[in-house]
Protein backbone atom coordinates (compact mmCIF):
# COMPACT_ATOMS: atom_id res chain seq x y z
CA MET A 1 -79.97 228.79 -7.53
CA SER A 2 -78.95 231.82 -6.32
CA ARG A 3 -79.07 232.44 -2.80
CA ARG A 4 -81.78 235.67 -2.87
CA SER A 5 -83.47 233.41 -5.82
CA ALA A 6 -83.71 230.97 -2.61
CA GLN A 7 -84.89 233.41 -0.36
CA ALA A 8 -87.51 234.74 -2.92
CA LEU A 9 -89.03 231.15 -2.98
CA ALA A 10 -88.87 230.27 0.60
CA LEU A 11 -90.59 233.47 1.54
CA ALA A 12 -93.47 232.53 -1.39
CA LEU A 13 -94.45 229.28 -0.26
CA SER A 14 -94.15 229.93 3.69
CA GLY A 15 -97.79 230.47 4.15
CA TRP A 16 -98.76 226.98 2.29
CA ILE A 17 -95.93 224.75 4.68
CA ALA A 18 -97.80 226.97 7.39
CA LEU A 19 -101.26 225.81 5.84
CA ALA A 20 -99.79 222.17 5.27
CA ALA A 21 -99.19 222.28 9.07
CA THR A 22 -102.59 222.81 10.12
CA LEU A 23 -103.45 219.38 8.48
CA VAL A 24 -100.69 217.72 11.09
CA THR A 25 -103.33 217.06 13.53
CA ALA A 26 -101.04 214.53 15.21
CA VAL A 27 -98.05 216.96 16.02
CA PRO A 28 -99.82 219.98 17.65
CA VAL A 29 -96.50 221.39 18.84
CA LEU A 30 -94.47 221.76 15.08
CA ARG A 31 -98.41 223.01 13.86
CA ALA A 32 -97.98 225.74 16.37
CA VAL A 33 -94.49 226.24 16.01
CA VAL A 34 -94.54 226.71 11.94
CA THR A 35 -97.89 228.35 12.46
CA SER A 36 -96.34 230.96 14.99
CA VAL A 37 -93.38 231.74 12.80
CA PHE A 38 -95.55 232.54 9.72
CA LEU A 39 -97.88 235.07 10.57
CA LEU A 40 -95.26 236.31 12.90
CA LEU A 41 -92.74 237.44 10.13
CA CYS A 42 -93.83 236.40 6.98
CA PRO A 43 -96.61 238.60 5.51
CA GLY A 44 -94.89 241.24 7.35
CA LEU A 45 -91.81 240.55 5.43
CA ALA A 46 -93.10 239.89 1.84
CA LEU A 47 -94.77 244.03 2.64
CA VAL A 48 -90.57 244.75 3.60
CA THR A 49 -89.52 243.74 0.78
CA ALA A 50 -91.87 244.70 -1.55
CA ALA A 51 -91.07 248.57 0.15
CA GLN A 52 -87.16 247.87 -0.61
CA ALA A 53 -87.69 247.12 -4.17
CA LEU A 54 -89.77 250.57 -4.40
CA LEU A 55 -87.56 252.62 -2.14
CA GLY A 56 -84.51 250.80 -4.34
CA ARG A 57 -85.77 252.13 -6.99
CA ARG A 58 -85.41 255.65 -5.75
CA GLY A 59 -82.03 255.60 -3.91
CA HIS A 60 -83.50 254.66 -0.54
CA ARG A 61 -83.13 251.98 1.27
CA LEU A 62 -83.88 250.87 4.89
CA ASP A 63 -81.57 249.98 7.67
CA ARG A 64 -81.36 246.59 9.64
CA LEU A 65 -83.30 248.25 12.33
CA GLU A 66 -86.29 249.87 10.93
CA ALA A 67 -87.18 246.32 8.67
CA VAL A 68 -86.75 244.41 11.62
CA VAL A 69 -89.48 246.31 13.31
CA LEU A 70 -91.39 246.45 10.04
CA THR A 71 -91.68 243.34 9.11
CA VAL A 72 -93.08 242.18 12.58
CA ALA A 73 -95.45 245.32 13.29
CA LEU A 74 -96.63 244.70 9.98
CA SER A 75 -97.28 241.06 10.08
CA LEU A 76 -98.98 241.60 13.04
CA SER A 77 -101.59 243.94 11.39
CA VAL A 78 -101.88 241.75 7.56
CA VAL A 79 -102.85 239.14 10.65
CA ALA A 80 -105.28 241.59 12.70
CA LEU A 81 -106.92 242.46 9.49
CA VAL A 82 -107.33 239.48 7.90
CA ALA A 83 -108.80 237.73 11.42
CA VAL A 84 -111.18 240.75 12.05
CA GLY A 85 -112.48 240.42 8.43
CA PHE A 86 -113.49 237.22 8.94
CA HIS A 87 -114.91 236.69 11.98
CA LEU A 88 -117.38 239.97 11.48
CA THR A 89 -118.35 237.96 8.47
CA GLY A 90 -118.92 234.58 10.50
CA SER A 91 -116.50 232.90 8.23
CA PHE A 92 -113.94 232.83 10.37
CA THR A 93 -111.21 229.82 10.51
CA PRO A 94 -107.93 229.37 11.17
CA ALA A 95 -107.31 227.15 7.76
CA ARG A 96 -108.85 230.00 5.59
CA ALA A 97 -107.12 232.96 7.26
CA THR A 98 -103.91 231.69 6.61
CA ALA A 99 -104.69 230.75 3.23
CA VAL A 100 -105.94 234.29 3.01
CA LEU A 101 -102.66 235.20 4.22
CA ALA A 102 -100.09 232.76 2.49
CA ALA A 103 -101.70 234.35 -0.69
CA LEU A 104 -100.81 237.87 0.18
CA THR A 105 -96.85 236.93 1.32
CA THR A 106 -96.56 235.43 -2.18
CA ALA A 107 -97.98 238.94 -3.77
CA GLY A 108 -96.07 241.07 -1.27
CA THR A 109 -92.82 238.74 -3.19
CA LEU A 110 -94.48 239.13 -6.69
CA LEU A 111 -95.16 242.58 -6.46
CA ALA A 112 -91.35 243.14 -4.97
CA LEU A 113 -89.61 241.58 -7.95
CA ARG A 114 -91.93 243.48 -9.93
CA TRP A 115 -90.62 246.57 -8.68
CA GLU A 116 -86.69 245.47 -7.83
CA ARG A 117 -84.13 247.43 -9.80
CA PRO A 118 -81.88 245.72 -11.50
CA PRO A 119 -78.14 246.50 -11.60
CA PRO A 120 -77.33 248.63 -14.93
CA ALA A 121 -76.31 246.82 -17.57
CA PRO A 122 -72.46 247.15 -18.89
CA ALA A 123 -71.69 249.86 -21.60
CA ARG A 124 -71.76 248.20 -24.34
CA PRO A 125 -70.48 250.25 -28.22
CA ASP A 126 -73.05 248.10 -30.58
CA ARG A 127 -76.63 248.32 -29.97
CA PRO A 128 -77.75 246.60 -27.17
CA GLY A 129 -80.23 244.09 -26.89
CA PRO A 130 -82.85 243.20 -24.43
CA ARG A 131 -81.42 243.63 -20.82
CA PRO A 132 -81.34 239.95 -18.93
CA ALA A 133 -83.01 239.79 -16.59
CA HIS A 134 -81.53 239.62 -12.75
CA GLY A 135 -81.78 238.62 -9.16
CA TRP A 136 -84.69 237.55 -7.84
CA ARG A 137 -87.14 239.27 -10.60
CA GLY A 138 -84.76 237.30 -13.55
CA TRP A 139 -85.66 233.58 -11.59
CA TRP A 140 -89.05 234.37 -11.21
CA ARG A 141 -89.24 235.50 -14.70
CA ARG A 142 -86.82 232.24 -15.94
CA ARG A 143 -88.52 229.79 -13.48
CA TRP A 144 -92.41 230.21 -13.81
CA ASN A 145 -92.34 232.23 -17.97
CA VAL A 146 -93.31 234.91 -16.10
CA LYS A 147 -92.54 238.10 -18.34
CA ARG A 148 -95.44 240.89 -17.91
CA PRO A 149 -95.73 242.51 -14.85
CA ALA A 150 -99.46 242.69 -15.29
CA ALA A 151 -99.47 238.69 -15.51
CA ARG A 152 -97.41 239.25 -12.03
CA SER A 153 -100.09 241.66 -10.80
CA GLY A 154 -103.08 239.37 -11.78
CA ALA A 155 -101.89 236.47 -10.41
CA ALA A 156 -101.56 237.44 -7.21
CA ALA A 157 -105.38 239.08 -7.23
CA LEU A 158 -106.12 235.36 -7.66
CA LEU A 159 -104.13 233.94 -5.54
CA VAL A 160 -105.98 236.14 -2.69
CA LEU A 161 -109.39 235.87 -4.19
CA ALA A 162 -108.90 231.79 -4.69
CA ALA A 163 -107.64 231.51 -1.15
CA ALA A 164 -110.32 233.98 0.39
CA CYS A 165 -113.50 231.87 -1.33
CA GLY A 166 -112.16 227.99 -0.74
CA GLY A 167 -109.41 227.92 1.75
CA GLY A 168 -109.17 225.57 4.72
CA GLY A 169 -111.56 223.21 3.09
CA GLY A 170 -109.76 220.04 3.92
CA ALA A 171 -108.62 220.63 7.64
CA THR A 172 -109.42 219.69 10.96
CA GLU A 173 -110.34 222.37 12.25
CA VAL A 174 -112.18 224.63 15.84
CA TRP A 175 -112.69 227.88 15.67
CA HIS A 176 -114.85 229.97 17.53
CA THR A 177 -116.46 233.50 16.93
CA PRO A 178 -117.40 234.64 20.66
CA GLY A 179 -117.49 238.64 20.47
CA ALA A 180 -120.81 240.63 19.48
CA THR A 181 -119.82 242.03 16.67
CA VAL A 182 -121.68 240.38 13.55
CA ALA A 183 -125.24 241.15 13.53
CA ALA A 184 -127.30 238.91 15.25
CA LYS A 185 -130.89 238.11 13.05
CA ASP A 186 -134.34 238.61 14.22
CA PRO A 187 -135.53 235.16 15.83
CA GLY A 188 -138.70 235.58 14.33
CA SER A 189 -137.20 235.16 10.86
CA LEU A 190 -135.16 232.20 11.71
CA ALA A 191 -138.04 229.42 10.06
CA SER A 192 -135.06 227.65 8.86
CA PRO A 193 -131.40 226.35 9.01
CA ALA A 194 -128.90 229.04 8.41
CA ALA A 195 -126.26 226.40 7.33
CA PRO A 196 -126.24 225.23 3.77
CA GLY A 197 -128.68 222.49 2.50
CA PRO A 198 -130.94 221.16 0.82
CA TRP A 199 -132.60 220.31 4.26
CA GLN A 200 -136.45 218.29 5.07
CA LEU A 201 -138.24 219.44 8.56
CA VAL A 202 -138.44 215.90 9.95
CA PHE A 203 -139.54 216.66 13.69
CA GLN A 204 -141.12 219.94 14.61
CA ASP A 205 -143.32 221.35 17.39
CA GLU A 206 -145.00 224.67 17.43
CA PHE A 207 -146.96 224.25 21.40
CA ASP A 208 -150.06 225.53 19.45
CA ALA A 209 -151.73 223.35 21.87
CA THR A 210 -153.08 223.40 25.21
CA SER A 211 -151.08 220.86 26.44
CA LEU A 212 -148.06 219.00 25.87
CA ASN A 213 -148.41 216.03 22.90
CA PRO A 214 -147.39 212.77 24.70
CA ALA A 215 -146.83 211.39 21.09
CA LEU A 216 -143.92 213.69 20.40
CA TRP A 217 -141.86 214.19 24.43
CA ALA A 218 -141.61 212.35 27.98
CA THR A 219 -141.31 214.34 30.82
CA CYS A 220 -138.35 212.41 32.63
CA TYR A 221 -135.27 211.32 31.64
CA ASP A 222 -134.97 207.50 30.49
CA TRP A 223 -135.08 206.30 34.20
CA ASN A 224 -138.03 208.18 34.99
CA ASN A 225 -140.06 206.46 38.35
CA ALA A 226 -142.31 208.73 39.88
CA GLY A 227 -140.05 211.42 38.44
CA CYS A 228 -136.52 212.00 38.54
CA THR A 229 -133.28 214.21 38.86
CA ASN A 230 -129.80 214.21 37.26
CA ALA A 231 -127.74 213.33 40.21
CA GLY A 232 -124.60 213.45 38.35
CA ASN A 233 -124.38 217.15 38.48
CA HIS A 234 -126.17 217.12 42.00
CA GLU A 235 -128.71 219.35 41.00
CA LEU A 236 -131.79 220.63 43.77
CA GLU A 237 -134.88 219.44 41.09
CA TRP A 238 -137.08 216.93 41.15
CA TYR A 239 -138.85 216.45 37.49
CA LEU A 240 -142.62 216.18 37.60
CA PRO A 241 -144.63 216.48 34.68
CA GLY A 242 -147.19 218.89 36.73
CA GLN A 243 -143.91 220.95 35.99
CA VAL A 244 -144.90 221.49 32.11
CA SER A 245 -146.86 222.90 30.58
CA VAL A 246 -148.30 224.36 27.06
CA SER A 247 -150.15 227.91 27.22
CA SER A 248 -150.05 230.97 24.78
CA GLY A 249 -148.72 229.27 21.85
CA ALA A 250 -145.18 227.83 24.06
CA LEU A 251 -143.97 225.30 26.16
CA ASN A 252 -143.42 226.32 29.80
CA LEU A 253 -140.79 224.38 32.77
CA SER A 254 -141.30 225.88 35.63
CA ALA A 255 -139.06 225.69 38.87
CA VAL A 256 -140.83 226.12 41.69
CA ARG A 257 -139.12 225.76 45.31
CA ARG A 258 -141.12 223.13 47.27
CA THR A 259 -140.08 220.11 49.02
CA THR A 260 -140.20 217.21 46.95
CA ALA A 261 -139.65 213.80 47.91
CA GLY A 262 -137.82 211.57 45.09
CA THR A 263 -138.66 207.87 44.36
CA ASP A 264 -134.75 207.64 44.82
CA GLY A 265 -135.56 208.06 48.48
CA HIS A 266 -133.95 211.60 49.39
CA VAL A 267 -136.31 214.86 49.46
CA TYR A 268 -135.25 218.11 46.68
CA PRO A 269 -135.91 221.46 47.53
CA TRP A 270 -137.37 222.35 44.38
CA ALA A 271 -139.17 220.74 41.57
CA SER A 272 -139.30 221.22 37.98
CA GLY A 273 -140.25 220.20 34.42
CA MET A 274 -138.49 219.00 31.38
CA VAL A 275 -139.39 217.29 28.50
CA THR A 276 -137.54 214.59 26.14
CA THR A 277 -137.67 212.44 22.90
CA GLY A 278 -137.15 209.56 24.60
CA ARG A 279 -138.81 206.68 26.60
CA ASP A 280 -141.18 206.76 30.09
CA ASN A 281 -139.34 204.61 31.67
CA TRP A 282 -136.50 202.14 31.35
CA ASP A 283 -138.23 199.53 28.88
CA ALA A 284 -140.06 201.05 26.96
CA ALA A 285 -138.66 202.33 23.47
CA PRO A 286 -138.00 206.13 22.11
CA ARG A 287 -140.17 208.37 20.87
CA ARG A 288 -137.48 209.50 18.09
CA THR A 289 -133.91 209.57 18.32
CA PHE A 290 -131.88 211.33 15.49
CA THR A 291 -128.25 211.21 14.09
CA GLY A 292 -127.81 213.96 11.99
CA GLY A 293 -129.65 217.54 11.37
CA TYR A 294 -130.10 220.55 12.40
CA PHE A 295 -131.86 221.09 15.77
CA ALA A 296 -133.38 224.42 16.45
CA ALA A 297 -135.60 225.69 19.36
CA SER A 298 -136.54 229.29 20.23
CA ILE A 299 -136.12 229.73 23.68
CA GLN A 300 -136.69 232.24 26.96
CA ILE A 301 -134.46 231.46 29.68
CA PRO A 302 -135.83 232.55 33.20
CA ALA A 303 -134.08 235.84 34.36
CA GLN A 304 -133.31 234.15 37.97
CA ALA A 305 -130.44 233.24 39.36
CA GLY A 306 -128.96 229.99 40.38
CA MET A 307 -131.22 228.53 37.08
CA PHE A 308 -129.60 225.85 34.62
CA PRO A 309 -131.63 226.04 31.73
CA ALA A 310 -130.12 223.52 28.48
CA PHE A 311 -131.25 222.30 25.10
CA TRP A 312 -129.16 219.10 24.42
CA LEU A 313 -128.71 215.86 22.84
CA MET A 314 -127.91 212.70 24.69
CA PRO A 315 -127.46 209.13 23.38
CA GLN A 316 -129.98 206.47 22.41
CA THR A 317 -127.75 204.20 24.74
CA ARG A 318 -127.90 206.39 27.83
CA GLU A 319 -124.26 206.41 28.56
CA THR A 320 -122.28 209.41 28.27
CA PRO A 321 -119.82 210.57 26.51
CA PRO A 322 -120.96 211.54 23.52
CA GLU A 323 -123.14 214.10 24.44
CA LEU A 324 -123.97 217.35 22.25
CA ASP A 325 -124.95 220.79 23.91
CA ILE A 326 -126.92 223.23 21.72
CA ALA A 327 -127.57 226.05 24.42
CA GLU A 328 -126.77 225.41 28.19
CA PHE A 329 -126.27 228.61 30.71
CA ILE A 330 -124.37 227.73 33.63
CA GLY A 331 -124.17 230.11 36.39
CA THR A 332 -124.75 232.99 34.36
CA THR A 333 -128.21 233.98 32.34
CA SER A 334 -125.93 236.90 29.73
CA THR A 335 -123.38 233.57 27.97
CA VAL A 336 -124.76 230.82 26.36
CA GLN A 337 -122.39 227.96 26.85
CA MET A 338 -122.12 225.22 23.67
CA THR A 339 -120.11 222.29 24.69
CA VAL A 340 -119.36 218.97 22.95
CA HIS A 341 -118.37 215.86 24.80
CA TRP A 342 -116.72 212.51 23.58
CA PRO A 343 -114.87 209.51 25.17
CA GLU A 344 -110.89 209.30 25.09
CA ASN A 345 -109.34 206.91 26.84
CA GLY A 346 -112.26 205.94 28.42
CA LYS A 347 -113.02 209.59 30.12
CA ASN A 348 -115.02 212.14 29.38
CA ALA A 349 -113.36 215.03 26.76
CA ALA A 350 -115.03 217.87 25.83
CA THR A 351 -114.36 221.39 24.45
CA ALA A 352 -116.80 224.51 24.64
CA GLU A 353 -117.38 227.86 23.44
CA THR A 354 -118.68 230.93 24.98
CA TYR A 355 -120.85 233.84 23.13
CA GLY A 356 -122.59 236.40 25.03
CA PRO A 357 -122.87 238.89 27.40
CA GLN A 358 -126.45 238.68 25.53
CA ASP A 359 -129.93 239.83 26.86
CA PHE A 360 -130.60 236.75 26.72
CA PRO A 361 -134.10 236.46 29.05
CA GLY A 362 -135.47 239.62 27.68
CA GLY A 363 -136.56 237.52 25.23
CA TYR A 364 -136.90 234.32 22.77
CA HIS A 365 -133.60 233.42 20.78
CA VAL A 366 -132.96 230.82 18.38
CA PHE A 367 -130.36 228.04 19.77
CA ALA A 368 -129.26 225.78 17.11
CA LEU A 369 -126.35 223.23 15.90
CA ASP A 370 -125.90 221.22 12.73
CA TRP A 371 -124.66 218.08 13.14
CA GLU A 372 -122.73 216.79 9.84
CA LYS A 373 -120.95 213.55 9.15
CA ASP A 374 -117.29 215.80 9.19
CA SER A 375 -118.41 218.68 11.85
CA LEU A 376 -120.68 220.26 14.10
CA THR A 377 -121.63 223.80 13.91
CA TRP A 378 -123.14 225.71 16.41
CA TYR A 379 -125.83 228.99 15.87
CA VAL A 380 -126.82 231.35 17.88
CA ASP A 381 -129.85 233.61 16.55
CA GLY A 382 -128.68 232.52 13.04
CA VAL A 383 -124.92 233.29 13.28
CA ALA A 384 -122.31 230.67 13.54
CA ARG A 385 -120.67 231.03 16.76
CA PHE A 386 -118.96 227.14 16.92
CA HIS A 387 -117.43 225.10 14.45
CA ASP A 388 -115.91 222.05 15.11
CA THR A 389 -114.35 218.92 12.25
CA ASP A 390 -112.01 216.72 14.64
CA PRO A 391 -113.68 213.45 13.77
CA ALA A 392 -112.85 211.77 17.54
CA HIS A 393 -115.56 214.62 18.28
CA ILE A 394 -118.01 213.76 16.02
CA PRO A 395 -121.15 211.18 17.07
CA THR A 396 -122.22 208.86 14.68
CA GLY A 397 -125.32 206.69 16.49
CA PRO A 398 -128.54 208.07 17.34
CA MET A 399 -129.27 210.62 20.23
CA GLU A 400 -132.63 212.38 21.95
CA LEU A 401 -133.38 216.12 22.02
CA LEU A 402 -133.98 217.47 25.46
CA LEU A 403 -134.77 220.66 26.62
CA ASN A 404 -134.48 220.72 30.64
CA LEU A 405 -134.80 223.58 33.71
CA ALA A 406 -132.28 221.71 36.07
CA VAL A 407 -131.67 224.07 39.18
CA GLY A 408 -129.19 224.68 41.80
CA TYR A 409 -126.00 223.93 39.55
CA PRO A 410 -123.40 225.08 39.69
CA LYS A 411 -125.02 226.90 42.78
CA ALA A 412 -127.79 227.64 44.18
CA PRO A 413 -130.23 229.61 43.98
CA PRO A 414 -130.61 232.69 46.24
CA ASP A 415 -132.26 232.90 49.03
CA ASP A 416 -135.26 235.49 47.97
CA VAL A 417 -135.62 233.48 44.44
CA SER A 418 -139.11 231.58 44.77
CA VAL A 419 -139.95 230.51 41.32
CA ALA A 420 -138.09 230.37 37.48
CA ASN A 421 -139.91 229.63 34.54
CA MET A 422 -138.11 228.61 30.56
CA LYS A 423 -140.12 229.16 27.44
CA VAL A 424 -139.53 227.40 23.92
CA ASP A 425 -142.02 229.14 21.39
CA TRP A 426 -141.00 226.03 18.89
CA VAL A 427 -139.15 222.99 18.34
CA ARG A 428 -137.51 221.96 14.40
CA VAL A 429 -135.66 219.71 13.52
CA TRP A 430 -134.45 219.02 10.06
CA GLN A 431 -132.01 216.74 8.05
CA HIS A 432 -130.30 216.51 4.53
């Protein structure tokens, strides 16, 4: 094989090698180096090679500096265009984007072969037969038996289309779409899961009654003893059933600045409300637990500073991690945080994504999590914002569902804040 043929083959395969590297989770440095080199150089090099071939047919040629600058600039531009395109459609994954870029690089190589000008054939006194194929073009013809330019163009188009539709299906991925460029859906229209089904509704509360349904909800953590709190976060509230109410078709969790003595021997400056599908006390059975499913709630958070509203899942064992935080507002009312916690070497490990800024206190918003056996996907108003397929991160045991309005994490409310309300229009859970 000639040097030019080897270069053509290496360039055509570079993207697919980078795509394969995304599967090498055990060696993150290797994965980062291989994919970075490909993204920085190869898509642009394929385009520059095609341009060189086209210019060569007209008697022009880029000098080396021009070629290097164009290679890097075109690579970065193509990478940005592909990433933004997937981001705008809410379908971005690193593997899918890499697959499309690999297909484009291969397509650029095919175009270079099509446009390459072969060296002139020597003059022959007899009638010339078919001109022999030279260089990259000849190697590709002989190796792949590609006989027509139209066939090469069609193959390139099919590569790009196939990569866009199905790239990255088997890779371990963590992807994020934190921006606000994807249009959110009207929360009122999100009566069914945004994730592909089929689905069966297994739990719901529309809060259309005049009081909380005790068959569905408890009003404290499993360690309830005439109230409770989350001491691990050093929160300022003591949860009490009186801070939970149902009216006007919504669940209301009310936090009020009121000195409250807890049964744990501490005095708390706030009383607040929470609900859970867990237990009435430590020795009781949980009302409902879930292993996998699509969890969604329509929530309006309070506008007051110093509040910590949350919609989440904790294990039936009451030992965390694991933990799935569908929506948390930590020190902000304009940005929602989505988090998965998992045990790692006896410690709590976590990865998270945030989405915002949005006027979340201004109305109801639907926060959801699709918990599958091989993936976790978070949704905000029907748009996927965070996705994780690392097997080590995905819980396998049953979990309880919770909504709560904590106070004072990460910092206390201002002195002029004395009351806050978290409203929940509905809660629904679907399973396959």
